[in-house]
All heavy atoms as atom14 arrays in JSON, in Angstrom:
{
  "sequence": "PTKVALAIRIARRTLRIARQNVVFAIGIKL",
  "atom14_mask": [
    [1, 1, 1, 1, 1, 1, 1, 0, 0, 0, 0, 0, 0, 0],
    [1, 1, 1, 1, 1, 1, 1, 0, 0, 0, 0, 0, 0, 0],
    [1, 1, 1, 1, 1, 1, 1, 1, 1, 0, 0, 0, 0, 0],
    [1, 1, 1, 1, 1, 1, 1, 0, 0, 0, 0, 0, 0, 0],
    [1, 1, 1, 1, 1, 0, 0, 0, 0, 0, 0, 0, 0, 0],
    [1, 1, 1, 1, 1, 1, 1, 1, 0, 0, 0, 0, 0, 0],
    [1, 1, 1, 1, 1, 0, 0, 0, 0, 0, 0, 0, 0, 0],
    [1, 1, 1, 1, 1, 1, 1, 1, 0, 0, 0, 0, 0, 0],
    [1, 1, 1, 1, 1, 1, 1, 1, 1, 1, 1, 0, 0, 0],
    [1, 1, 1, 1, 1, 1, 1, 1, 0, 0, 0, 0, 0, 0],
    [1, 1, 1, 1, 1, 0, 0, 0, 0, 0, 0, 0, 0, 0],
    [1, 1, 1, 1, 1, 1, 1, 1, 1, 1, 1, 0, 0, 0],
    [1, 1, 1, 1, 1, 1, 1, 1, 1, 1, 1, 0, 0, 0],
    [1, 1, 1, 1, 1, 1, 1, 0, 0, 0, 0, 0, 0, 0],
    [1, 1, 1, 1, 1, 1, 1, 1, 0, 0, 0, 0, 0, 0],
    [1, 1, 1, 1, 1, 1, 1, 1, 1, 1, 1, 0, 0, 0],
    [1, 1, 1, 1, 1, 1, 1, 1, 0, 0, 0, 0, 0, 0],
    [1, 1, 1, 1, 1, 0, 0, 0, 0, 0, 0, 0, 0, 0],
    [1, 1, 1, 1, 1, 1, 1, 1, 1, 1, 1, 0, 0, 0],
    [1, 1, 1, 1, 1, 1, 1, 1, 1, 0, 0, 0, 0, 0],
    [1, 1, 1, 1, 1, 1, 1, 1, 0, 0, 0, 0, 0, 0],
    [1, 1, 1, 1, 1, 1, 1, 0, 0, 0, 0, 0, 0, 0],
    [1, 1, 1, 1, 1, 1, 1, 0, 0, 0, 0, 0, 0, 0],
    [1, 1, 1, 1, 1, 1, 1, 1, 1, 1, 1, 0, 0, 0],
    [1, 1, 1, 1, 1, 0, 0, 0, 0, 0, 0, 0, 0, 0],
    [1, 1, 1, 1, 1, 1, 1, 1, 0, 0, 0, 0, 0, 0],
    [1, 1, 1, 1, 0, 0, 0, 0, 0, 0, 0, 0, 0, 0],
    [1, 1, 1, 1, 1, 1, 1, 1, 0, 0, 0, 0, 0, 0],
    [1, 1, 1, 1, 1, 1, 1, 1, 1, 0, 0, 0, 0, 0],
    [1, 1, 1, 1, 1, 1, 1, 1, 0, 0, 0, 0, 0, 0]
  ],
  "atom14_positions": [
    [[-4.27, -10.67, -20.72], [-3.19, -9.68, -20.56], [-3.57, -8.46, -19.74], [-2.7, -7.82, -19.14], [-2.86, -9.3, -22.01], [-3.35, -10.43, -22.84], [-4.56, -10.95, -22.13], [0.0, 0.0, 0.0], [0.0, 0.0, 0.0], [0.0, 0.0, 0.0], [0.0, 0.0, 0.0], [0.0, 0.0, 0.0], [0.0, 0.0, 0.0], [0.0, 0.0, 0.0]],
    [[-4.85, -8.1, -19.72], [-5.26, -6.92, -18.96], [-5.06, -7.13, -17.46], [-5.02, -6.15, -16.7], [-6.73, -6.56, -19.23], [-7.57, -7.67, -18.87], [-6.95, -6.24, -20.71], [0.0, 0.0, 0.0], [0.0, 0.0, 0.0], [0.0, 0.0, 0.0], [0.0, 0.0, 0.0], [0.0, 0.0, 0.0], [0.0, 0.0, 0.0], [0.0, 0.0, 0.0]],
    [[-4.93, -8.39, -17.03], [-4.71, -8.66, -15.62], [-3.32, -8.19, -15.16], [-3.07, -8.07, -13.96], [-4.89, -10.15, -15.34], [-6.32, -10.64, -15.52], [-7.26, -9.93, -14.54], [-8.72, -10.35, -14.75], [-8.95, -11.75, -14.38], [0.0, 0.0, 0.0], [0.0, 0.0, 0.0], [0.0, 0.0, 0.0], [0.0, 0.0, 0.0], [0.0, 0.0, 0.0]],
    [[-2.42, -7.95, -16.11], [-1.1, -7.42, -15.75], [-1.27, -6.03, -15.14], [-0.7, -5.72, -14.08], [-0.16, -7.36, -16.97], [1.16, -6.68, -16.61], [0.09, -8.75, -17.51], [0.0, 0.0, 0.0], [0.0, 0.0, 0.0], [0.0, 0.0, 0.0], [0.0, 0.0, 0.0], [0.0, 0.0, 0.0], [0.0, 0.0, 0.0], [0.0, 0.0, 0.0]],
    [[-2.06, -5.19, -15.8], [-2.32, -3.85, -15.28], [-3.07, -3.92, -13.95], [-2.8, -3.15, -13.03], [-3.11, -3.04, -16.3], [0.0, 0.0, 0.0], [0.0, 0.0, 0.0], [0.0, 0.0, 0.0], [0.0, 0.0, 0.0], [0.0, 0.0, 0.0], [0.0, 0.0, 0.0], [0.0, 0.0, 0.0], [0.0, 0.0, 0.0], [0.0, 0.0, 0.0]],
    [[-4.01, -4.85, -13.86], [-4.76, -5.02, -12.6], [-3.83, -5.42, -11.47], [-3.94, -4.91, -10.34], [-5.85, -6.06, -12.78], [-6.69, -6.39, -11.53], [-7.41, -5.16, -11.03], [-7.68, -7.51, -11.82], [0.0, 0.0, 0.0], [0.0, 0.0, 0.0], [0.0, 0.0, 0.0], [0.0, 0.0, 0.0], [0.0, 0.0, 0.0], [0.0, 0.0, 0.0]],
    [[-2.9, -6.32, -11.75], [-1.93, -6.74, -10.72], [-1.07, -5.58, -10.26], [-0.76, -5.44, -9.07], [-1.06, -7.87, -11.27], [0.0, 0.0, 0.0], [0.0, 0.0, 0.0], [0.0, 0.0, 0.0], [0.0, 0.0, 0.0], [0.0, 0.0, 0.0], [0.0, 0.0, 0.0], [0.0, 0.0, 0.0], [0.0, 0.0, 0.0], [0.0, 0.0, 0.0]],
    [[-0.69, -4.71, -11.19], [0.12, -3.54, -10.83], [-0.69, -2.6, -9.95], [-0.19, -2.07, -8.94], [0.6, -2.81, -12.1], [1.6, -3.69, -12.86], [1.24, -1.47, -11.74], [2.03, -3.12, -14.19], [0.0, 0.0, 0.0], [0.0, 0.0, 0.0], [0.0, 0.0, 0.0], [0.0, 0.0, 0.0], [0.0, 0.0, 0.0], [0.0, 0.0, 0.0]],
    [[-1.96, -2.4, -10.28], [-2.81, -1.52, -9.46], [-2.99, -2.09, -8.06], [-2.95, -1.34, -7.07], [-4.17, -1.31, -10.14], [-4.12, -0.49, -11.41], [-5.5, 0.09, -11.74], [-6.47, -0.97, -11.97], [-6.7, -1.53, -13.16], [-5.99, -1.16, -14.21], [-7.61, -2.46, -13.3], [0.0, 0.0, 0.0], [0.0, 0.0, 0.0], [0.0, 0.0, 0.0]],
    [[-3.19, -3.39, -7.97], [-3.34, -4.03, -6.66], [-2.06, -3.87, -5.84], [-2.1, -3.56, -4.65], [-3.69, -5.51, -6.82], [-5.1, -5.66, -7.39], [-3.59, -6.25, -5.49], [-5.49, -7.09, -7.72], [0.0, 0.0, 0.0], [0.0, 0.0, 0.0], [0.0, 0.0, 0.0], [0.0, 0.0, 0.0], [0.0, 0.0, 0.0], [0.0, 0.0, 0.0]],
    [[-0.92, -4.08, -6.49], [0.36, -3.97, -5.79], [0.6, -2.55, -5.29], [1.03, -2.33, -4.14], [1.5, -4.4, -6.71], [0.0, 0.0, 0.0], [0.0, 0.0, 0.0], [0.0, 0.0, 0.0], [0.0, 0.0, 0.0], [0.0, 0.0, 0.0], [0.0, 0.0, 0.0], [0.0, 0.0, 0.0], [0.0, 0.0, 0.0], [0.0, 0.0, 0.0]],
    [[0.31, -1.57, -6.13], [0.5, -0.17, -5.73], [-0.43, 0.21, -4.59], [-0.03, 0.9, -3.65], [0.28, 0.75, -6.93], [1.39, 0.67, -7.98], [1.11, 1.6, -9.14], [2.21, 1.59, -10.09], [2.22, 2.29, -11.23], [1.17, 3.04, -11.54], [3.25, 2.22, -12.04], [0.0, 0.0, 0.0], [0.0, 0.0, 0.0], [0.0, 0.0, 0.0]],
    [[-1.68, -0.24, -4.67], [-2.64, 0.06, -3.6], [-2.21, -0.6, -2.29], [-2.29, 0.02, -1.21], [-4.02, -0.44, -4.02], [-5.12, -0.25, -2.98], [-6.44, -0.77, -3.52], [-7.47, -0.84, -2.5], [-8.24, 0.17, -2.13], [-8.08, 1.35, -2.69], [-9.16, 0.01, -1.2], [0.0, 0.0, 0.0], [0.0, 0.0, 0.0], [0.0, 0.0, 0.0]],
    [[-1.72, -1.84, -2.38], [-1.28, -2.54, -1.18], [-0.1, -1.84, -0.52], [-0.06, -1.66, 0.7], [-0.9, -3.99, -1.53], [-2.02, -4.66, -2.11], [-0.45, -4.76, -0.3], [0.0, 0.0, 0.0], [0.0, 0.0, 0.0], [0.0, 0.0, 0.0], [0.0, 0.0, 0.0], [0.0, 0.0, 0.0], [0.0, 0.0, 0.0], [0.0, 0.0, 0.0]],
    [[0.87, -1.41, -1.34], [2.02, -0.69, -0.8], [1.61, 0.64, -0.18], [2.15, 1.04, 0.86], [3.05, -0.46, -1.91], [3.87, -1.68, -2.34], [4.74, -1.33, -3.54], [4.73, -2.18, -1.2], [0.0, 0.0, 0.0], [0.0, 0.0, 0.0], [0.0, 0.0, 0.0], [0.0, 0.0, 0.0], [0.0, 0.0, 0.0], [0.0, 0.0, 0.0]],
    [[0.66, 1.31, -0.82], [0.21, 2.6, -0.29], [-0.45, 2.43, 1.07], [-0.19, 3.2, 2.01], [-0.76, 3.23, -1.29], [-1.22, 4.63, -0.9], [-1.89, 5.35, -2.06], [-3.05, 4.61, -2.55], [-3.11, 4.0, -3.72], [-2.04, 4.0, -4.52], [-4.2, 3.37, -4.1], [0.0, 0.0, 0.0], [0.0, 0.0, 0.0], [0.0, 0.0, 0.0]],
    [[-1.28, 1.41, 1.21], [-1.94, 1.14, 2.5], [-0.92, 0.71, 3.55], [-1.02, 1.1, 4.72], [-3.03, 0.08, 2.31], [-4.18, 0.65, 1.47], [-3.56, -0.42, 3.66], [-5.27, -0.34, 1.13], [0.0, 0.0, 0.0], [0.0, 0.0, 0.0], [0.0, 0.0, 0.0], [0.0, 0.0, 0.0], [0.0, 0.0, 0.0], [0.0, 0.0, 0.0]],
    [[0.06, -0.09, 3.14], [1.1, -0.52, 4.09], [1.89, 0.67, 4.61], [2.19, 0.75, 5.81], [2.03, -1.53, 3.42], [0.0, 0.0, 0.0], [0.0, 0.0, 0.0], [0.0, 0.0, 0.0], [0.0, 0.0, 0.0], [0.0, 0.0, 0.0], [0.0, 0.0, 0.0], [0.0, 0.0, 0.0], [0.0, 0.0, 0.0], [0.0, 0.0, 0.0]],
    [[2.2, 1.61, 3.73], [2.93, 2.81, 4.16], [2.08, 3.65, 5.11], [2.59, 4.22, 6.09], [3.34, 3.63, 2.94], [4.39, 2.97, 2.05], [4.94, 3.95, 1.03], [5.88, 3.3, 0.14], [5.59, 2.93, -1.1], [4.37, 3.13, -1.59], [6.5, 2.35, -1.86], [0.0, 0.0, 0.0], [0.0, 0.0, 0.0], [0.0, 0.0, 0.0]],
    [[0.78, 3.74, 4.81], [-0.11, 4.47, 5.71], [-0.1, 3.87, 7.11], [-0.02, 4.6, 8.11], [-1.54, 4.44, 5.14], [-1.73, 5.23, 3.87], [-3.11, 5.02, 3.27], [-3.92, 4.25, 3.8], [-3.39, 5.69, 2.15], [0.0, 0.0, 0.0], [0.0, 0.0, 0.0], [0.0, 0.0, 0.0], [0.0, 0.0, 0.0], [0.0, 0.0, 0.0]],
    [[-0.15, 2.54, 7.19], [-0.15, 1.87, 8.48], [1.15, 2.1, 9.24], [1.15, 2.3, 10.45], [-0.38, 0.37, 8.3], [-1.83, 0.04, 7.97], [-2.71, 0.86, 8.19], [-2.08, -1.15, 7.46], [0.0, 0.0, 0.0], [0.0, 0.0, 0.0], [0.0, 0.0, 0.0], [0.0, 0.0, 0.0], [0.0, 0.0, 0.0], [0.0, 0.0, 0.0]],
    [[2.26, 2.04, 8.51], [3.57, 2.24, 9.16], [3.68, 3.65, 9.73], [4.07, 3.86, 10.89], [4.71, 1.96, 8.17], [6.05, 2.41, 8.75], [4.77, 0.48, 7.83], [0.0, 0.0, 0.0], [0.0, 0.0, 0.0], [0.0, 0.0, 0.0], [0.0, 0.0, 0.0], [0.0, 0.0, 0.0], [0.0, 0.0, 0.0], [0.0, 0.0, 0.0]],
    [[3.33, 4.63, 8.91], [3.42, 6.03, 9.35], [2.48, 6.28, 10.52], [2.85, 6.92, 11.52], [3.1, 6.98, 8.19], [2.99, 8.42, 8.69], [4.18, 6.87, 7.11], [0.0, 0.0, 0.0], [0.0, 0.0, 0.0], [0.0, 0.0, 0.0], [0.0, 0.0, 0.0], [0.0, 0.0, 0.0], [0.0, 0.0, 0.0], [0.0, 0.0, 0.0]],
    [[1.26, 5.77, 10.43], [0.28, 5.98, 11.5], [0.72, 5.32, 12.8], [0.69, 5.95, 13.87], [-1.08, 5.41, 11.05], [-2.12, 5.44, 12.12], [-2.72, 6.64, 12.51], [-2.52, 4.27, 12.77], [-3.67, 6.67, 13.51], [-3.48, 4.29, 13.76], [-4.06, 5.5, 14.13], [0.0, 0.0, 0.0], [0.0, 0.0, 0.0], [0.0, 0.0, 0.0]],
    [[1.16, 4.06, 12.72], [1.55, 3.33, 13.93], [2.75, 3.96, 14.61], [2.74, 4.2, 15.83], [1.83, 1.87, 13.59], [0.0, 0.0, 0.0], [0.0, 0.0, 0.0], [0.0, 0.0, 0.0], [0.0, 0.0, 0.0], [0.0, 0.0, 0.0], [0.0, 0.0, 0.0], [0.0, 0.0, 0.0], [0.0, 0.0, 0.0], [0.0, 0.0, 0.0]],
    [[3.77, 4.25, 13.83], [4.98, 4.84, 14.42], [4.69, 6.25, 14.94], [5.17, 6.65, 16.02], [6.11, 4.87, 13.38], [6.55, 3.44, 13.04], [7.31, 5.67, 13.91], [7.63, 3.36, 12.0], [0.0, 0.0, 0.0], [0.0, 0.0, 0.0], [0.0, 0.0, 0.0], [0.0, 0.0, 0.0], [0.0, 0.0, 0.0], [0.0, 0.0, 0.0]],
    [[3.89, 7.02, 14.19], [3.57, 8.38, 14.61], [2.84, 8.41, 15.95], [3.18, 9.21, 16.84], [0.0, 0.0, 0.0], [0.0, 0.0, 0.0], [0.0, 0.0, 0.0], [0.0, 0.0, 0.0], [0.0, 0.0, 0.0], [0.0, 0.0, 0.0], [0.0, 0.0, 0.0], [0.0, 0.0, 0.0], [0.0, 0.0, 0.0], [0.0, 0.0, 0.0]],
    [[1.83, 7.54, 16.11], [1.08, 7.51, 17.37], [1.96, 7.09, 18.53], [1.91, 7.66, 19.63], [-0.14, 6.56, 17.24], [-1.16, 7.11, 16.25], [-0.79, 6.32, 18.6], [-1.77, 8.43, 16.65], [0.0, 0.0, 0.0], [0.0, 0.0, 0.0], [0.0, 0.0, 0.0], [0.0, 0.0, 0.0], [0.0, 0.0, 0.0], [0.0, 0.0, 0.0]],
    [[2.79, 6.06, 18.31], [3.67, 5.58, 19.39], [4.67, 6.66, 19.8], [4.95, 6.86, 21.0], [4.4, 4.32, 18.95], [3.47, 3.1, 18.8], [4.24, 1.87, 18.37], [3.29, 0.7, 18.14], [2.61, 0.27, 19.37], [0.0, 0.0, 0.0], [0.0, 0.0, 0.0], [0.0, 0.0, 0.0], [0.0, 0.0, 0.0], [0.0, 0.0, 0.0]],
    [[5.23, 7.37, 18.82], [6.17, 8.44, 19.16], [5.46, 9.57, 19.92], [6.04, 10.16, 20.85], [6.81, 9.0, 17.88], [7.82, 8.08, 17.18], [8.3, 8.74, 15.88], [9.01, 7.79, 18.09], [0.0, 0.0, 0.0], [0.0, 0.0, 0.0], [0.0, 0.0, 0.0], [0.0, 0.0, 0.0], [0.0, 0.0, 0.0], [0.0, 0.0, 0.0]]
  ]
}
């Protein structure tokens, strides 16, 4: 059951990194 919390942490970290990439890529191009 503790893997549920681990999965949530992985998902949140992945989304955070994805947002960083989007902001960085669009910002540089603009």
